[in-house]
Amino acid sequence: MGVVLYVIILATMPNLYYNDRLIIAHASINQSTKLWSPGAEITWKADGERHSHTIGGLADRFKTCEEAERFVIDLAKKWVDANP
């Protein structure tokens, strides 16, 4: 029985402000498949309190980091629009 070692490489694009929310998008690569998985963190302040929403665990995979980040930014913007 062998040991499987996974190396995760994360890539992060610059922060994006959208409708008073901070969106931080990131992508990680699966070294076995060479496909990228997207994720994002959305944060904002309301009534003096910090709030956040995480987008992760998506089944979508992409050939490039940039494609993954574009996808999750679009998804995050849709979430912000639906949750004013």
N, C-alpha and C. Protein backbone atom coordinates (compact mmCIF):
# COMPACT_ATOMS: atom_id res chain seq x y z
N MET A 1 0.85 -1.16 0.00
CA MET A 1 0.00 0.00 0.00
C MET A 1 0.90 1.23 0.00
N GLY A 2 0.70 2.11 -0.97
CA GLY A 2 1.50 3.32 -1.08
C GLY A 2 0.80 4.52 -0.48
N VAL A 3 1.58 5.55 -0.32
CA VAL A 3 1.06 6.82 0.19
C VAL A 3 0.86 7.75 -0.99
N VAL A 4 -0.31 8.39 -1.04
CA VAL A 4 -0.60 9.34 -2.10
C VAL A 4 -0.40 10.74 -1.52
N LEU A 5 0.42 11.53 -2.19
CA LEU A 5 0.71 12.89 -1.75
C LEU A 5 0.08 13.86 -2.73
N TYR A 6 -0.74 14.75 -2.21
CA TYR A 6 -1.36 15.77 -3.04
C TYR A 6 -0.71 17.11 -2.74
N VAL A 7 -0.35 17.82 -3.76
CA VAL A 7 0.17 19.16 -3.61
C VAL A 7 -0.89 20.11 -4.13
N ILE A 8 -1.27 21.05 -3.31
CA ILE A 8 -2.29 22.02 -3.71
C ILE A 8 -1.60 23.34 -4.00
N ILE A 9 -1.85 23.84 -5.17
CA ILE A 9 -1.33 25.15 -5.55
C ILE A 9 -2.53 26.08 -5.63
N LEU A 10 -2.48 27.14 -4.86
CA LEU A 10 -3.56 28.13 -4.88
C LEU A 10 -3.11 29.34 -5.68
N ALA A 11 -4.04 29.87 -6.42
CA ALA A 11 -3.78 31.12 -7.12
C ALA A 11 -4.87 32.10 -6.70
N THR A 12 -4.49 33.32 -6.47
CA THR A 12 -5.45 34.32 -6.03
C THR A 12 -5.35 35.54 -6.93
N MET A 13 -6.49 36.02 -7.37
CA MET A 13 -6.49 37.24 -8.16
C MET A 13 -6.72 38.41 -7.22
N PRO A 14 -6.52 39.62 -7.70
CA PRO A 14 -6.73 40.78 -6.84
C PRO A 14 -8.16 40.82 -6.28
N ASN A 15 -8.29 41.46 -5.13
CA ASN A 15 -9.60 41.63 -4.53
C ASN A 15 -10.48 42.47 -5.44
N LEU A 16 -11.77 42.22 -5.39
CA LEU A 16 -12.72 42.94 -6.22
C LEU A 16 -13.83 43.48 -5.32
N TYR A 17 -14.11 44.78 -5.42
CA TYR A 17 -15.23 45.37 -4.71
C TYR A 17 -16.42 45.42 -5.66
N TYR A 18 -17.55 44.91 -5.19
CA TYR A 18 -18.76 44.87 -6.00
C TYR A 18 -19.94 45.13 -5.09
N ASN A 19 -20.66 46.21 -5.34
CA ASN A 19 -21.83 46.59 -4.54
C ASN A 19 -21.54 46.57 -3.03
N ASP A 20 -20.47 47.23 -2.65
CA ASP A 20 -20.05 47.33 -1.24
C ASP A 20 -19.70 45.98 -0.61
N ARG A 21 -19.36 45.01 -1.41
CA ARG A 21 -18.91 43.71 -0.92
C ARG A 21 -17.50 43.46 -1.45
N LEU A 22 -16.68 42.84 -0.63
CA LEU A 22 -15.34 42.45 -1.06
C LEU A 22 -15.39 40.99 -1.49
N ILE A 23 -15.01 40.74 -2.74
CA ILE A 23 -14.96 39.37 -3.27
C ILE A 23 -13.50 39.00 -3.43
N ILE A 24 -13.10 37.91 -2.79
CA ILE A 24 -11.76 37.37 -2.95
C ILE A 24 -11.90 36.02 -3.62
N ALA A 25 -11.48 35.95 -4.86
CA ALA A 25 -11.57 34.70 -5.63
C ALA A 25 -10.25 33.96 -5.57
N HIS A 26 -10.33 32.64 -5.64
CA HIS A 26 -9.12 31.83 -5.67
C HIS A 26 -9.40 30.55 -6.44
N ALA A 27 -8.34 29.88 -6.81
CA ALA A 27 -8.46 28.61 -7.51
C ALA A 27 -7.33 27.69 -7.04
N SER A 28 -7.62 26.41 -7.00
CA SER A 28 -6.59 25.43 -6.63
C SER A 28 -6.54 24.36 -7.71
N ILE A 29 -5.34 23.84 -7.93
CA ILE A 29 -5.17 22.85 -8.99
C ILE A 29 -5.03 21.45 -8.38
N ASN A 30 -5.64 20.50 -9.03
CA ASN A 30 -5.48 19.10 -8.68
C ASN A 30 -4.30 18.60 -9.51
N GLN A 31 -3.22 18.22 -8.86
CA GLN A 31 -2.02 17.82 -9.58
C GLN A 31 -2.22 16.58 -10.44
N SER A 32 -3.16 15.73 -10.06
CA SER A 32 -3.41 14.51 -10.84
C SER A 32 -4.13 14.80 -12.15
N THR A 33 -5.16 15.64 -12.07
CA THR A 33 -5.97 15.91 -13.26
C THR A 33 -5.54 17.17 -13.99
N LYS A 34 -4.76 18.02 -13.31
CA LYS A 34 -4.33 19.32 -13.86
C LYS A 34 -5.51 20.25 -14.12
N LEU A 35 -6.60 20.05 -13.37
CA LEU A 35 -7.77 20.91 -13.50
C LEU A 35 -7.90 21.79 -12.26
N TRP A 36 -8.45 22.99 -12.48
CA TRP A 36 -8.57 24.00 -11.42
C TRP A 36 -9.97 24.01 -10.83
N SER A 37 -10.04 24.15 -9.51
CA SER A 37 -11.29 24.26 -8.77
C SER A 37 -11.42 25.68 -8.24
N PRO A 38 -12.57 26.34 -8.44
CA PRO A 38 -12.73 27.71 -7.99
C PRO A 38 -13.33 27.81 -6.58
N GLY A 39 -13.11 28.96 -5.98
CA GLY A 39 -13.73 29.27 -4.70
C GLY A 39 -13.66 30.77 -4.47
N ALA A 40 -14.48 31.27 -3.54
CA ALA A 40 -14.48 32.70 -3.25
C ALA A 40 -14.98 32.94 -1.84
N GLU A 41 -14.56 34.06 -1.31
CA GLU A 41 -15.04 34.55 -0.02
C GLU A 41 -15.61 35.94 -0.27
N ILE A 42 -16.82 36.18 0.21
CA ILE A 42 -17.48 37.48 0.08
C ILE A 42 -17.63 38.04 1.49
N THR A 43 -17.15 39.26 1.70
CA THR A 43 -17.28 39.87 3.03
C THR A 43 -17.87 41.26 2.90
N TRP A 44 -18.56 41.69 3.98
CA TRP A 44 -19.14 43.01 4.02
C TRP A 44 -19.47 43.37 5.46
N LYS A 45 -19.72 44.65 5.67
CA LYS A 45 -20.13 45.14 6.99
C LYS A 45 -21.57 45.63 6.89
N ALA A 46 -22.36 45.30 7.89
CA ALA A 46 -23.73 45.78 7.98
C ALA A 46 -24.05 45.97 9.46
N ASP A 47 -24.61 47.12 9.78
CA ASP A 47 -24.99 47.44 11.17
C ASP A 47 -23.80 47.26 12.12
N GLY A 48 -22.61 47.64 11.64
CA GLY A 48 -21.43 47.57 12.48
C GLY A 48 -20.85 46.18 12.67
N GLU A 49 -21.41 45.19 12.01
CA GLU A 49 -20.91 43.82 12.13
C GLU A 49 -20.35 43.33 10.80
N ARG A 50 -19.33 42.48 10.89
CA ARG A 50 -18.74 41.87 9.70
C ARG A 50 -19.50 40.59 9.37
N HIS A 51 -19.81 40.43 8.08
CA HIS A 51 -20.50 39.23 7.60
C HIS A 51 -19.66 38.61 6.48
N SER A 52 -19.88 37.33 6.25
CA SER A 52 -19.16 36.67 5.15
C SER A 52 -19.99 35.53 4.58
N HIS A 53 -19.67 35.21 3.36
CA HIS A 53 -20.29 34.09 2.67
C HIS A 53 -19.18 33.40 1.87
N THR A 54 -19.11 32.10 1.98
CA THR A 54 -18.08 31.33 1.26
C THR A 54 -18.71 30.56 0.12
N ILE A 55 -18.05 30.62 -1.03
CA ILE A 55 -18.43 29.79 -2.17
C ILE A 55 -17.32 28.78 -2.35
N GLY A 56 -17.65 27.52 -2.21
CA GLY A 56 -16.64 26.46 -2.33
C GLY A 56 -17.31 25.12 -2.54
N GLY A 57 -16.50 24.11 -2.71
CA GLY A 57 -17.02 22.77 -2.90
C GLY A 57 -17.75 22.59 -4.22
N LEU A 58 -17.42 23.42 -5.18
CA LEU A 58 -18.10 23.34 -6.48
C LEU A 58 -17.60 22.14 -7.28
N ALA A 59 -18.49 21.56 -8.05
CA ALA A 59 -18.12 20.42 -8.89
C ALA A 59 -17.45 20.85 -10.19
N ASP A 60 -17.55 22.13 -10.51
CA ASP A 60 -16.99 22.64 -11.77
C ASP A 60 -15.47 22.61 -11.74
N ARG A 61 -14.86 22.22 -12.84
CA ARG A 61 -13.40 22.18 -12.99
C ARG A 61 -13.03 22.89 -14.29
N PHE A 62 -11.84 23.50 -14.29
CA PHE A 62 -11.43 24.31 -15.43
C PHE A 62 -9.99 24.01 -15.82
N LYS A 63 -9.67 24.25 -17.09
CA LYS A 63 -8.33 23.98 -17.59
C LYS A 63 -7.32 25.03 -17.15
N THR A 64 -7.79 26.25 -16.86
CA THR A 64 -6.88 27.30 -16.43
C THR A 64 -7.37 27.96 -15.14
N CYS A 65 -6.44 28.52 -14.42
CA CYS A 65 -6.75 29.26 -13.20
C CYS A 65 -7.65 30.45 -13.52
N GLU A 66 -7.35 31.14 -14.60
CA GLU A 66 -8.12 32.32 -14.98
C GLU A 66 -9.57 31.97 -15.27
N GLU A 67 -9.82 30.84 -15.95
CA GLU A 67 -11.20 30.42 -16.22
C GLU A 67 -11.95 30.13 -14.92
N ALA A 68 -11.28 29.46 -13.99
CA ALA A 68 -11.89 29.14 -12.71
C ALA A 68 -12.24 30.41 -11.94
N GLU A 69 -11.33 31.37 -11.92
CA GLU A 69 -11.56 32.62 -11.20
C GLU A 69 -12.67 33.44 -11.85
N ARG A 70 -12.69 33.52 -13.18
CA ARG A 70 -13.76 34.26 -13.86
C ARG A 70 -15.12 33.64 -13.53
N PHE A 71 -15.18 32.32 -13.53
CA PHE A 71 -16.43 31.62 -13.22
C PHE A 71 -16.91 31.96 -11.82
N VAL A 72 -16.02 31.87 -10.84
CA VAL A 72 -16.45 32.08 -9.45
C VAL A 72 -16.73 33.56 -9.17
N ILE A 73 -16.06 34.47 -9.84
CA ILE A 73 -16.38 35.89 -9.68
C ILE A 73 -17.79 36.17 -10.20
N ASP A 74 -18.12 35.60 -11.34
CA ASP A 74 -19.47 35.77 -11.88
C ASP A 74 -20.51 35.18 -10.92
N LEU A 75 -20.21 34.02 -10.38
CA LEU A 75 -21.10 33.37 -9.41
C LEU A 75 -21.24 34.24 -8.15
N ALA A 76 -20.14 34.80 -7.67
CA ALA A 76 -20.16 35.65 -6.48
C ALA A 76 -20.99 36.91 -6.73
N LYS A 77 -20.83 37.52 -7.90
CA LYS A 77 -21.61 38.71 -8.23
C LYS A 77 -23.10 38.38 -8.25
N LYS A 78 -23.46 37.23 -8.80
CA LYS A 78 -24.87 36.81 -8.81
C LYS A 78 -25.39 36.62 -7.39
N TRP A 79 -24.54 36.06 -6.51
CA TRP A 79 -24.94 35.88 -5.13
C TRP A 79 -25.17 37.23 -4.45
N VAL A 80 -24.27 38.19 -4.68
CA VAL A 80 -24.41 39.52 -4.11
C VAL A 80 -25.70 40.18 -4.61
N ASP A 81 -25.96 40.08 -5.90
CA ASP A 81 -27.17 40.68 -6.46
C ASP A 81 -28.44 40.06 -5.85
N ALA A 82 -28.40 38.78 -5.55
CA ALA A 82 -29.55 38.09 -4.98
C ALA A 82 -29.67 38.27 -3.47
N ASN A 83 -28.61 38.80 -2.83
CA ASN A 83 -28.58 38.98 -1.37
C ASN A 83 -28.11 40.38 -1.03
N PRO A 84 -28.94 41.39 -1.34
CA PRO A 84 -28.53 42.78 -1.12
C PRO A 84 -28.31 43.13 0.36
